N, C-alpha and C. Protein backbone atom coordinates (compact mmCIF):
# COMPACT_ATOMS: atom_id res chain seq x y z
N MET A 1 -43.37 -42.35 71.47
CA MET A 1 -42.20 -42.66 70.75
C MET A 1 -41.35 -41.42 70.68
N ALA A 2 -40.22 -41.62 71.00
CA ALA A 2 -39.29 -40.51 71.02
C ALA A 2 -38.67 -40.38 69.65
N ASN A 3 -38.61 -39.18 69.25
CA ASN A 3 -37.96 -38.93 67.97
C ASN A 3 -36.47 -38.91 68.19
N SER A 4 -35.82 -39.69 67.47
CA SER A 4 -34.37 -39.64 67.57
C SER A 4 -33.82 -39.30 66.17
N LYS A 5 -32.98 -38.46 66.23
CA LYS A 5 -32.40 -37.99 64.98
C LYS A 5 -31.07 -38.70 64.80
N ILE A 6 -30.95 -39.29 63.65
CA ILE A 6 -29.70 -39.98 63.36
C ILE A 6 -28.96 -39.12 62.32
N THR A 7 -27.85 -38.76 62.70
CA THR A 7 -27.04 -38.00 61.76
C THR A 7 -25.86 -38.84 61.37
N SER A 8 -25.55 -38.71 60.17
CA SER A 8 -24.39 -39.46 59.72
C SER A 8 -23.29 -38.48 59.35
N ALA A 9 -22.16 -38.84 59.72
CA ALA A 9 -21.00 -38.00 59.40
C ALA A 9 -20.66 -38.19 57.93
N PRO A 10 -20.28 -37.11 57.29
CA PRO A 10 -19.93 -37.25 55.87
C PRO A 10 -18.78 -38.22 55.71
N LYS A 11 -18.92 -39.01 54.71
CA LYS A 11 -17.87 -40.00 54.45
C LYS A 11 -16.70 -39.30 53.77
N ARG A 12 -15.62 -39.55 54.32
CA ARG A 12 -14.43 -38.95 53.73
C ARG A 12 -13.67 -40.03 52.99
N ALA A 13 -13.54 -39.73 51.75
CA ALA A 13 -12.80 -40.69 50.93
C ALA A 13 -11.32 -40.39 51.09
N ALA A 14 -10.66 -41.41 51.33
CA ALA A 14 -9.22 -41.25 51.50
C ALA A 14 -8.54 -41.49 50.15
N ALA A 15 -9.12 -40.88 49.18
CA ALA A 15 -8.56 -41.07 47.85
C ALA A 15 -7.26 -40.30 47.74
N LYS A 16 -6.36 -40.93 47.14
CA LYS A 16 -5.08 -40.29 46.95
C LYS A 16 -5.20 -39.31 45.78
N GLU A 17 -4.75 -38.16 46.04
CA GLU A 17 -4.73 -37.20 44.95
C GLU A 17 -3.50 -37.47 44.12
N GLU A 18 -3.77 -37.68 42.87
CA GLU A 18 -2.64 -37.89 41.98
C GLU A 18 -2.23 -36.54 41.42
N LYS A 19 -1.03 -36.24 41.58
CA LYS A 19 -0.53 -35.01 41.01
C LYS A 19 0.07 -35.33 39.66
N LYS A 20 -0.58 -34.75 38.65
CA LYS A 20 -0.05 -34.94 37.31
C LYS A 20 0.74 -33.69 36.95
N GLU A 21 1.92 -33.95 36.53
CA GLU A 21 2.75 -32.82 36.15
C GLU A 21 2.53 -32.56 34.67
N THR A 22 2.04 -31.37 34.41
CA THR A 22 1.78 -31.01 33.03
C THR A 22 2.97 -30.24 32.49
N VAL A 23 3.47 -30.72 31.42
CA VAL A 23 4.61 -30.06 30.80
C VAL A 23 4.09 -29.26 29.62
N MET A 24 4.22 -27.96 29.72
CA MET A 24 3.78 -27.07 28.64
C MET A 24 4.95 -26.88 27.70
N PRO A 25 4.67 -27.02 26.43
CA PRO A 25 5.77 -26.77 25.50
C PRO A 25 6.13 -25.29 25.53
N THR A 26 7.38 -25.05 25.60
CA THR A 26 7.80 -23.65 25.63
C THR A 26 7.95 -23.16 24.20
N GLU A 27 7.46 -21.96 24.00
CA GLU A 27 7.59 -21.37 22.68
C GLU A 27 8.89 -20.62 22.64
N GLU A 28 9.63 -20.95 21.65
CA GLU A 28 10.89 -20.27 21.50
C GLU A 28 10.63 -18.97 20.76
N VAL A 29 10.90 -17.90 21.40
CA VAL A 29 10.68 -16.61 20.78
C VAL A 29 11.92 -16.27 19.97
N VAL A 30 11.68 -16.20 18.69
CA VAL A 30 12.77 -15.86 17.80
C VAL A 30 12.63 -14.39 17.46
N GLN A 31 13.56 -13.63 17.88
CA GLN A 31 13.52 -12.22 17.58
C GLN A 31 14.27 -11.98 16.29
N VAL A 32 13.54 -11.38 15.38
CA VAL A 32 14.16 -11.04 14.11
C VAL A 32 14.79 -9.67 14.30
N GLU A 33 16.05 -9.62 14.05
CA GLU A 33 16.73 -8.36 14.22
C GLU A 33 16.32 -7.40 13.12
N LYS A 34 15.99 -6.19 13.53
CA LYS A 34 15.66 -5.17 12.55
C LYS A 34 16.92 -4.81 11.80
N LYS A 35 16.75 -4.65 10.51
CA LYS A 35 17.88 -4.22 9.72
C LYS A 35 18.19 -2.78 10.07
N LYS A 36 19.42 -2.50 10.25
CA LYS A 36 19.86 -1.14 10.54
C LYS A 36 20.39 -0.56 9.24
N PHE A 37 19.68 0.42 8.73
CA PHE A 37 20.09 1.08 7.50
C PHE A 37 21.11 2.16 7.81
N SER A 38 22.06 2.33 6.93
CA SER A 38 22.94 3.50 7.04
C SER A 38 22.21 4.64 6.33
N ALA A 39 22.51 5.85 6.69
CA ALA A 39 21.81 7.02 6.13
C ALA A 39 21.92 7.09 4.62
N THR A 40 23.04 6.68 4.08
CA THR A 40 23.25 6.81 2.62
C THR A 40 22.94 5.53 1.85
N GLU A 41 22.48 4.50 2.55
CA GLU A 41 22.16 3.24 1.87
C GLU A 41 21.01 3.46 0.88
N LEU A 42 21.19 2.91 -0.32
CA LEU A 42 20.16 3.06 -1.35
C LEU A 42 19.09 1.99 -1.18
N VAL A 43 17.84 2.43 -1.19
CA VAL A 43 16.68 1.54 -1.04
C VAL A 43 15.95 1.54 -2.37
N PRO A 44 15.73 0.36 -2.97
CA PRO A 44 15.09 0.32 -4.29
C PRO A 44 13.62 0.77 -4.25
N CYS A 45 13.26 1.61 -5.23
CA CYS A 45 11.91 2.14 -5.33
C CYS A 45 11.42 2.02 -6.77
N LEU A 46 10.22 1.53 -6.93
CA LEU A 46 9.61 1.29 -8.24
C LEU A 46 8.66 2.42 -8.59
N SER A 47 8.83 3.01 -9.77
CA SER A 47 7.91 4.06 -10.21
C SER A 47 6.60 3.42 -10.66
N ILE A 48 5.48 4.01 -10.24
CA ILE A 48 4.18 3.56 -10.72
C ILE A 48 3.50 4.69 -11.50
N THR A 49 4.32 5.66 -11.91
CA THR A 49 3.83 6.81 -12.64
C THR A 49 4.25 6.70 -14.09
N PRO A 50 3.28 6.75 -15.00
CA PRO A 50 3.65 6.70 -16.42
C PRO A 50 4.47 7.93 -16.80
N GLY A 51 5.47 7.74 -17.62
CA GLY A 51 6.30 8.85 -18.06
C GLY A 51 7.42 9.14 -17.08
N GLU A 52 8.20 10.16 -17.42
CA GLU A 52 9.34 10.54 -16.60
C GLU A 52 8.88 11.17 -15.29
N MET A 53 9.59 10.85 -14.22
CA MET A 53 9.23 11.39 -12.91
C MET A 53 10.50 11.81 -12.17
N PHE A 54 10.39 12.93 -11.46
CA PHE A 54 11.50 13.45 -10.67
C PHE A 54 11.05 13.56 -9.22
N TYR A 55 11.99 13.29 -8.31
CA TYR A 55 11.72 13.45 -6.88
C TYR A 55 12.98 14.00 -6.24
N GLU A 56 12.85 15.10 -5.51
CA GLU A 56 13.99 15.67 -4.79
C GLU A 56 13.94 15.22 -3.34
N GLY A 57 14.98 14.56 -2.89
CA GLY A 57 15.06 14.11 -1.51
C GLY A 57 15.02 15.30 -0.57
N GLU A 58 14.17 15.23 0.44
CA GLU A 58 13.98 16.37 1.33
C GLU A 58 15.16 16.56 2.29
N LYS A 59 15.91 15.53 2.55
CA LYS A 59 17.07 15.65 3.44
C LYS A 59 18.33 16.02 2.67
N THR A 60 18.60 15.28 1.60
CA THR A 60 19.87 15.45 0.88
C THR A 60 19.77 16.40 -0.30
N LYS A 61 18.55 16.71 -0.71
CA LYS A 61 18.29 17.54 -1.91
C LYS A 61 18.80 16.87 -3.19
N THR A 62 18.98 15.53 -3.13
CA THR A 62 19.38 14.76 -4.30
C THR A 62 18.17 14.64 -5.23
N LEU A 63 18.40 14.78 -6.53
CA LEU A 63 17.33 14.64 -7.50
C LEU A 63 17.32 13.20 -8.00
N TYR A 64 16.22 12.50 -7.77
CA TYR A 64 16.06 11.12 -8.21
C TYR A 64 15.16 11.15 -9.46
N THR A 65 15.52 10.35 -10.48
CA THR A 65 14.81 10.38 -11.75
C THR A 65 14.46 8.97 -12.21
N TRP A 66 13.19 8.78 -12.56
CA TRP A 66 12.72 7.55 -13.19
C TRP A 66 12.39 7.90 -14.64
N ALA A 67 12.72 7.04 -15.58
CA ALA A 67 12.44 7.31 -16.99
C ALA A 67 10.99 6.98 -17.34
N ASN A 68 10.40 5.99 -16.66
CA ASN A 68 9.04 5.57 -16.97
C ASN A 68 8.49 4.71 -15.84
N ALA A 69 7.22 4.37 -15.94
CA ALA A 69 6.62 3.46 -14.97
C ALA A 69 7.38 2.15 -14.99
N GLU A 70 7.50 1.54 -13.83
CA GLU A 70 8.15 0.26 -13.61
C GLU A 70 9.67 0.33 -13.61
N ASP A 71 10.24 1.54 -13.69
CA ASP A 71 11.69 1.70 -13.49
C ASP A 71 11.96 1.61 -11.99
N ILE A 72 13.10 1.04 -11.65
CA ILE A 72 13.50 0.94 -10.24
C ILE A 72 14.81 1.71 -10.07
N ILE A 73 14.81 2.62 -9.10
CA ILE A 73 16.05 3.35 -8.76
C ILE A 73 16.23 3.29 -7.25
N GLY A 74 17.43 3.58 -6.80
CA GLY A 74 17.72 3.61 -5.37
C GLY A 74 17.58 5.02 -4.82
N ILE A 75 16.89 5.14 -3.70
CA ILE A 75 16.77 6.40 -2.97
C ILE A 75 17.45 6.21 -1.62
N GLU A 76 18.22 7.20 -1.20
CA GLU A 76 18.92 7.08 0.08
C GLU A 76 17.92 6.90 1.22
N TYR A 77 18.29 6.04 2.16
CA TYR A 77 17.44 5.75 3.31
C TYR A 77 17.02 7.02 4.03
N GLN A 78 17.92 7.95 4.24
CA GLN A 78 17.59 9.16 5.00
C GLN A 78 16.49 9.97 4.30
N ASP A 79 16.49 9.99 2.97
CA ASP A 79 15.42 10.69 2.24
C ASP A 79 14.09 9.94 2.36
N LEU A 80 14.14 8.62 2.24
CA LEU A 80 12.91 7.82 2.36
C LEU A 80 12.33 7.88 3.76
N ALA A 81 13.18 7.73 4.76
CA ALA A 81 12.70 7.74 6.14
C ALA A 81 12.07 9.09 6.47
N TYR A 82 12.71 10.16 6.02
CA TYR A 82 12.16 11.50 6.26
C TYR A 82 10.80 11.64 5.57
N ALA A 83 10.71 11.17 4.33
CA ALA A 83 9.45 11.25 3.59
C ALA A 83 8.36 10.43 4.28
N ALA A 84 8.71 9.26 4.80
CA ALA A 84 7.73 8.41 5.49
C ALA A 84 7.25 9.07 6.78
N ARG A 85 8.16 9.64 7.52
CA ARG A 85 7.79 10.28 8.79
C ARG A 85 6.98 11.56 8.59
N SER A 86 7.27 12.27 7.49
CA SER A 86 6.56 13.53 7.24
C SER A 86 5.31 13.34 6.38
N LYS A 87 4.97 12.08 6.10
CA LYS A 87 3.77 11.75 5.31
C LYS A 87 3.79 12.45 3.95
N ASN A 88 4.93 12.41 3.29
CA ASN A 88 5.12 13.02 1.98
C ASN A 88 4.12 12.47 0.97
N GLN A 89 3.51 13.36 0.19
CA GLN A 89 2.50 12.98 -0.79
C GLN A 89 3.02 12.00 -1.84
N MET A 90 4.27 12.15 -2.25
CA MET A 90 4.84 11.23 -3.25
C MET A 90 4.86 9.80 -2.72
N MET A 91 4.88 9.68 -1.40
CA MET A 91 4.96 8.37 -0.79
C MET A 91 3.58 7.85 -0.36
N TYR A 92 2.70 8.73 0.09
CA TYR A 92 1.41 8.30 0.62
C TYR A 92 0.27 8.39 -0.38
N LYS A 93 0.42 9.17 -1.42
CA LYS A 93 -0.44 9.10 -2.61
C LYS A 93 0.55 8.65 -3.66
N PRO A 94 0.97 7.42 -3.53
CA PRO A 94 2.25 7.02 -4.09
C PRO A 94 2.42 7.23 -5.59
N ARG A 95 3.60 7.74 -5.87
CA ARG A 95 4.09 7.83 -7.24
C ARG A 95 5.18 6.77 -7.43
N TYR A 96 5.69 6.27 -6.31
CA TYR A 96 6.68 5.20 -6.33
C TYR A 96 6.41 4.29 -5.14
N ILE A 97 6.90 3.05 -5.24
CA ILE A 97 6.70 2.05 -4.20
C ILE A 97 8.06 1.56 -3.72
N VAL A 98 8.26 1.60 -2.42
CA VAL A 98 9.49 1.08 -1.82
C VAL A 98 9.49 -0.43 -1.97
N GLN A 99 10.60 -0.98 -2.47
CA GLN A 99 10.71 -2.40 -2.75
C GLN A 99 11.50 -3.18 -1.71
N ASP A 100 11.77 -2.59 -0.57
CA ASP A 100 12.57 -3.23 0.48
C ASP A 100 11.68 -3.59 1.66
N GLN A 101 11.55 -4.88 1.95
CA GLN A 101 10.66 -5.34 3.02
C GLN A 101 11.12 -4.87 4.39
N ASP A 102 12.41 -4.76 4.60
CA ASP A 102 12.90 -4.27 5.89
C ASP A 102 12.45 -2.83 6.12
N PHE A 103 12.49 -2.02 5.08
CA PHE A 103 12.02 -0.63 5.21
C PHE A 103 10.52 -0.62 5.50
N LEU A 104 9.77 -1.46 4.80
CA LEU A 104 8.31 -1.53 5.02
C LEU A 104 7.99 -2.03 6.42
N ASN A 105 8.81 -2.91 6.96
CA ASN A 105 8.60 -3.37 8.34
C ASN A 105 8.80 -2.21 9.32
N GLU A 106 9.72 -1.32 9.00
CA GLU A 106 9.99 -0.16 9.86
C GLU A 106 8.85 0.86 9.76
N PHE A 107 8.20 0.93 8.61
CA PHE A 107 7.10 1.88 8.38
C PHE A 107 5.88 1.11 7.89
N PRO A 108 5.20 0.35 8.78
CA PRO A 108 4.10 -0.52 8.36
C PRO A 108 2.90 0.24 7.76
N GLN A 109 2.77 1.52 8.06
CA GLN A 109 1.66 2.29 7.48
C GLN A 109 1.77 2.35 5.95
N LEU A 110 2.99 2.24 5.42
CA LEU A 110 3.17 2.24 3.97
C LEU A 110 2.59 0.98 3.34
N GLU A 111 2.76 -0.13 4.02
CA GLU A 111 2.24 -1.39 3.50
C GLU A 111 0.72 -1.31 3.36
N ALA A 112 0.07 -0.67 4.32
CA ALA A 112 -1.39 -0.50 4.24
C ALA A 112 -1.76 0.35 3.03
N VAL A 113 -0.98 1.38 2.74
CA VAL A 113 -1.22 2.21 1.56
C VAL A 113 -1.03 1.37 0.30
N TYR A 114 0.05 0.62 0.25
CA TYR A 114 0.37 -0.17 -0.94
C TYR A 114 -0.67 -1.25 -1.22
N ASN A 115 -1.29 -1.77 -0.18
CA ASN A 115 -2.29 -2.82 -0.38
C ASN A 115 -3.51 -2.32 -1.14
N GLY A 116 -3.74 -1.01 -1.16
CA GLY A 116 -4.88 -0.46 -1.87
C GLY A 116 -4.55 0.09 -3.25
N LEU A 117 -3.35 -0.21 -3.74
CA LEU A 117 -2.92 0.36 -5.01
C LEU A 117 -3.40 -0.44 -6.22
N TYR A 118 -3.37 0.27 -7.33
CA TYR A 118 -3.71 -0.33 -8.61
C TYR A 118 -2.49 -0.24 -9.51
N SER A 119 -2.27 -1.28 -10.32
CA SER A 119 -1.14 -1.27 -11.24
C SER A 119 -1.52 -0.47 -12.48
N VAL A 120 -0.53 -0.15 -13.29
CA VAL A 120 -0.79 0.55 -14.55
C VAL A 120 -1.72 -0.31 -15.42
N ALA A 121 -1.50 -1.62 -15.42
CA ALA A 121 -2.36 -2.52 -16.20
C ALA A 121 -3.81 -2.46 -15.71
N ASP A 122 -4.00 -2.37 -14.38
CA ASP A 122 -5.36 -2.24 -13.83
C ASP A 122 -6.03 -0.97 -14.34
N LEU A 123 -5.27 0.12 -14.32
CA LEU A 123 -5.82 1.41 -14.76
C LEU A 123 -6.11 1.39 -16.27
N GLU A 124 -5.24 0.75 -17.03
CA GLU A 124 -5.48 0.63 -18.48
C GLU A 124 -6.74 -0.20 -18.75
N ASP A 125 -6.96 -1.22 -17.93
CA ASP A 125 -8.17 -2.03 -18.08
C ASP A 125 -9.42 -1.19 -17.83
N ILE A 126 -9.36 -0.27 -16.89
CA ILE A 126 -10.50 0.62 -16.62
C ILE A 126 -10.79 1.47 -17.85
N LEU A 127 -9.75 1.94 -18.51
CA LEU A 127 -9.94 2.78 -19.70
C LEU A 127 -10.56 2.01 -20.87
N LYS A 128 -10.48 0.69 -20.85
CA LYS A 128 -11.05 -0.14 -21.92
C LYS A 128 -12.54 -0.42 -21.71
N LEU A 129 -13.05 -0.11 -20.52
CA LEU A 129 -14.47 -0.37 -20.23
C LEU A 129 -15.36 0.56 -21.03
N PRO A 130 -16.63 0.15 -21.25
CA PRO A 130 -17.59 1.09 -21.86
C PRO A 130 -17.71 2.33 -20.97
N PRO A 131 -17.99 3.51 -21.57
CA PRO A 131 -17.96 4.77 -20.80
C PRO A 131 -18.74 4.77 -19.48
N THR A 132 -19.93 4.18 -19.42
CA THR A 132 -20.69 4.22 -18.16
C THR A 132 -20.03 3.34 -17.09
N GLN A 133 -19.52 2.17 -17.49
CA GLN A 133 -18.81 1.31 -16.54
C GLN A 133 -17.49 1.95 -16.12
N MET A 134 -16.83 2.59 -17.08
CA MET A 134 -15.57 3.27 -16.79
C MET A 134 -15.79 4.35 -15.73
N GLU A 135 -16.87 5.11 -15.89
CA GLU A 135 -17.17 6.18 -14.93
C GLU A 135 -17.39 5.61 -13.53
N ARG A 136 -18.17 4.54 -13.42
CA ARG A 136 -18.42 3.93 -12.10
C ARG A 136 -17.13 3.42 -11.48
N ALA A 137 -16.28 2.80 -12.31
CA ALA A 137 -15.01 2.27 -11.80
C ALA A 137 -14.10 3.40 -11.32
N ILE A 138 -14.05 4.49 -12.06
CA ILE A 138 -13.18 5.62 -11.69
C ILE A 138 -13.67 6.27 -10.40
N ILE A 139 -14.96 6.45 -10.27
CA ILE A 139 -15.52 7.07 -9.07
C ILE A 139 -15.18 6.24 -7.83
N ALA A 140 -15.11 4.92 -7.99
CA ALA A 140 -14.82 4.04 -6.85
C ALA A 140 -13.33 4.00 -6.48
N LEU A 141 -12.47 4.54 -7.34
CA LEU A 141 -11.03 4.49 -7.07
C LEU A 141 -10.64 5.41 -5.91
N PRO A 142 -9.59 5.03 -5.16
CA PRO A 142 -9.05 5.96 -4.16
C PRO A 142 -8.38 7.14 -4.86
N GLU A 143 -8.21 8.23 -4.14
CA GLU A 143 -7.67 9.47 -4.73
C GLU A 143 -6.32 9.28 -5.42
N GLY A 144 -5.44 8.53 -4.81
CA GLY A 144 -4.12 8.31 -5.42
C GLY A 144 -4.21 7.62 -6.76
N ALA A 145 -5.12 6.65 -6.87
CA ALA A 145 -5.31 5.94 -8.14
C ALA A 145 -5.94 6.86 -9.18
N LYS A 146 -6.83 7.74 -8.75
CA LYS A 146 -7.43 8.70 -9.68
C LYS A 146 -6.36 9.62 -10.25
N ASP A 147 -5.46 10.09 -9.38
CA ASP A 147 -4.37 10.95 -9.83
C ASP A 147 -3.48 10.21 -10.84
N ALA A 148 -3.16 8.96 -10.53
CA ALA A 148 -2.33 8.17 -11.43
C ALA A 148 -3.04 7.95 -12.76
N LEU A 149 -4.36 7.73 -12.71
CA LEU A 149 -5.13 7.52 -13.94
C LEU A 149 -5.13 8.79 -14.79
N GLN A 150 -5.26 9.95 -14.18
CA GLN A 150 -5.21 11.20 -14.94
C GLN A 150 -3.87 11.35 -15.65
N THR A 151 -2.80 11.04 -14.96
CA THR A 151 -1.47 11.11 -15.57
C THR A 151 -1.35 10.12 -16.72
N LEU A 152 -1.86 8.91 -16.50
CA LEU A 152 -1.83 7.88 -17.54
C LEU A 152 -2.61 8.34 -18.78
N VAL A 153 -3.78 8.91 -18.56
CA VAL A 153 -4.61 9.38 -19.67
C VAL A 153 -3.87 10.46 -20.46
N ALA A 154 -3.29 11.42 -19.76
CA ALA A 154 -2.55 12.50 -20.44
C ALA A 154 -1.40 11.94 -21.27
N THR A 155 -0.70 10.97 -20.70
CA THR A 155 0.42 10.34 -21.41
C THR A 155 -0.07 9.61 -22.65
N LYS A 156 -1.18 8.88 -22.51
CA LYS A 156 -1.73 8.12 -23.64
C LYS A 156 -2.25 9.06 -24.74
N ILE A 157 -2.81 10.19 -24.36
CA ILE A 157 -3.25 11.17 -25.37
C ILE A 157 -2.03 11.73 -26.10
N ASP A 158 -0.99 12.08 -25.32
CA ASP A 158 0.22 12.67 -25.91
C ASP A 158 0.92 11.71 -26.87
N ASN A 159 0.93 10.42 -26.53
CA ASN A 159 1.64 9.49 -27.42
C ASN A 159 0.72 8.83 -28.45
N GLY A 160 -0.55 9.25 -28.48
CA GLY A 160 -1.46 8.80 -29.53
C GLY A 160 -2.13 7.46 -29.29
N THR A 161 -1.99 6.88 -28.11
CA THR A 161 -2.61 5.58 -27.86
C THR A 161 -4.01 5.69 -27.27
N LEU A 162 -4.44 6.92 -26.96
CA LEU A 162 -5.83 7.15 -26.54
C LEU A 162 -6.34 8.32 -27.39
N ASP A 163 -7.24 7.98 -28.32
CA ASP A 163 -7.72 9.02 -29.22
C ASP A 163 -9.23 8.98 -29.42
N SER A 164 -9.94 8.24 -28.59
CA SER A 164 -11.40 8.17 -28.66
C SER A 164 -11.98 9.45 -28.06
N VAL A 165 -12.62 10.24 -28.91
CA VAL A 165 -13.18 11.51 -28.46
C VAL A 165 -14.23 11.28 -27.37
N LYS A 166 -15.10 10.28 -27.56
CA LYS A 166 -16.14 10.00 -26.55
C LYS A 166 -15.53 9.63 -25.20
N ARG A 167 -14.52 8.79 -25.25
CA ARG A 167 -13.87 8.35 -24.01
C ARG A 167 -13.19 9.54 -23.32
N ILE A 168 -12.50 10.36 -24.07
CA ILE A 168 -11.80 11.51 -23.50
C ILE A 168 -12.81 12.52 -22.96
N GLN A 169 -13.93 12.72 -23.67
CA GLN A 169 -14.97 13.63 -23.17
C GLN A 169 -15.50 13.13 -21.83
N LYS A 170 -15.73 11.83 -21.72
CA LYS A 170 -16.22 11.25 -20.46
C LYS A 170 -15.20 11.45 -19.35
N LEU A 171 -13.91 11.26 -19.67
CA LEU A 171 -12.85 11.47 -18.68
C LEU A 171 -12.78 12.93 -18.26
N ASP A 172 -12.93 13.85 -19.22
CA ASP A 172 -12.96 15.28 -18.88
C ASP A 172 -14.11 15.59 -17.94
N GLU A 173 -15.24 14.97 -18.19
CA GLU A 173 -16.42 15.18 -17.34
C GLU A 173 -16.16 14.65 -15.93
N ILE A 174 -15.58 13.47 -15.83
CA ILE A 174 -15.32 12.84 -14.53
C ILE A 174 -14.29 13.65 -13.73
N PHE A 175 -13.19 14.02 -14.39
CA PHE A 175 -12.08 14.67 -13.69
C PHE A 175 -12.17 16.21 -13.70
N ASP A 176 -13.15 16.73 -14.41
CA ASP A 176 -13.28 18.18 -14.56
C ASP A 176 -11.99 18.77 -15.13
N THR A 177 -11.57 18.19 -16.27
CA THR A 177 -10.35 18.62 -16.95
C THR A 177 -10.69 19.00 -18.39
N LYS A 178 -9.67 19.35 -19.14
CA LYS A 178 -9.82 19.68 -20.56
C LYS A 178 -8.79 18.90 -21.37
N MET A 179 -8.76 17.59 -21.15
CA MET A 179 -7.77 16.75 -21.85
C MET A 179 -8.09 16.63 -23.34
N LEU A 180 -9.34 16.81 -23.72
CA LEU A 180 -9.70 16.75 -25.13
C LEU A 180 -8.94 17.82 -25.92
N MET A 181 -8.65 18.93 -25.28
CA MET A 181 -7.89 20.00 -25.93
C MET A 181 -6.50 19.52 -26.33
N ARG A 182 -5.92 18.61 -25.55
CA ARG A 182 -4.61 18.05 -25.89
C ARG A 182 -4.67 17.30 -27.20
N LEU A 183 -5.77 16.56 -27.40
CA LEU A 183 -5.94 15.78 -28.62
C LEU A 183 -6.14 16.70 -29.82
N ILE A 184 -6.93 17.75 -29.63
CA ILE A 184 -7.22 18.68 -30.72
C ILE A 184 -5.96 19.45 -31.13
N GLN A 185 -5.11 19.78 -30.15
CA GLN A 185 -3.90 20.56 -30.45
C GLN A 185 -2.87 19.78 -31.22
N GLU A 186 -2.96 18.49 -31.23
CA GLU A 186 -1.96 17.68 -31.93
C GLU A 186 -2.15 17.67 -33.39
């Protein structure tokens, strides 16, 4: 018997290829125009420092003054922009907060700083904690908040709203200060 090999040719399907046209929705790119500030345009800034605060603009040498925490004054754009670019301590360990979103969009690193801030009410709440909890809360604060808390404590001692010797002693221990002497001198 002879071996015969039967091979079959592959069947070719004459299937029609259907071309489906896929329509992708186009995204309309809306470009938000950046606000163009003039050099002398006033940008609102909120003080987060208890008591009177002064700031001299590094470009214009203008003296800006806040009477108390939560006061809002205008600072010229050229002074703010210079302070933001030079990483000025008043701005990056903030004593005031820029209240203009267009400015914050131009300097997004400030928004990151502001997101970690504590309000005066937050700091006052820390002072109401029992001394051991207060100490733990203060140690966990970022440096800028610790500085603001020290200023708040000094202001409260001066105006007589913080007069607990134990609490002030604990704060002196934490901050390595002598704020109790302020209370005794009064």
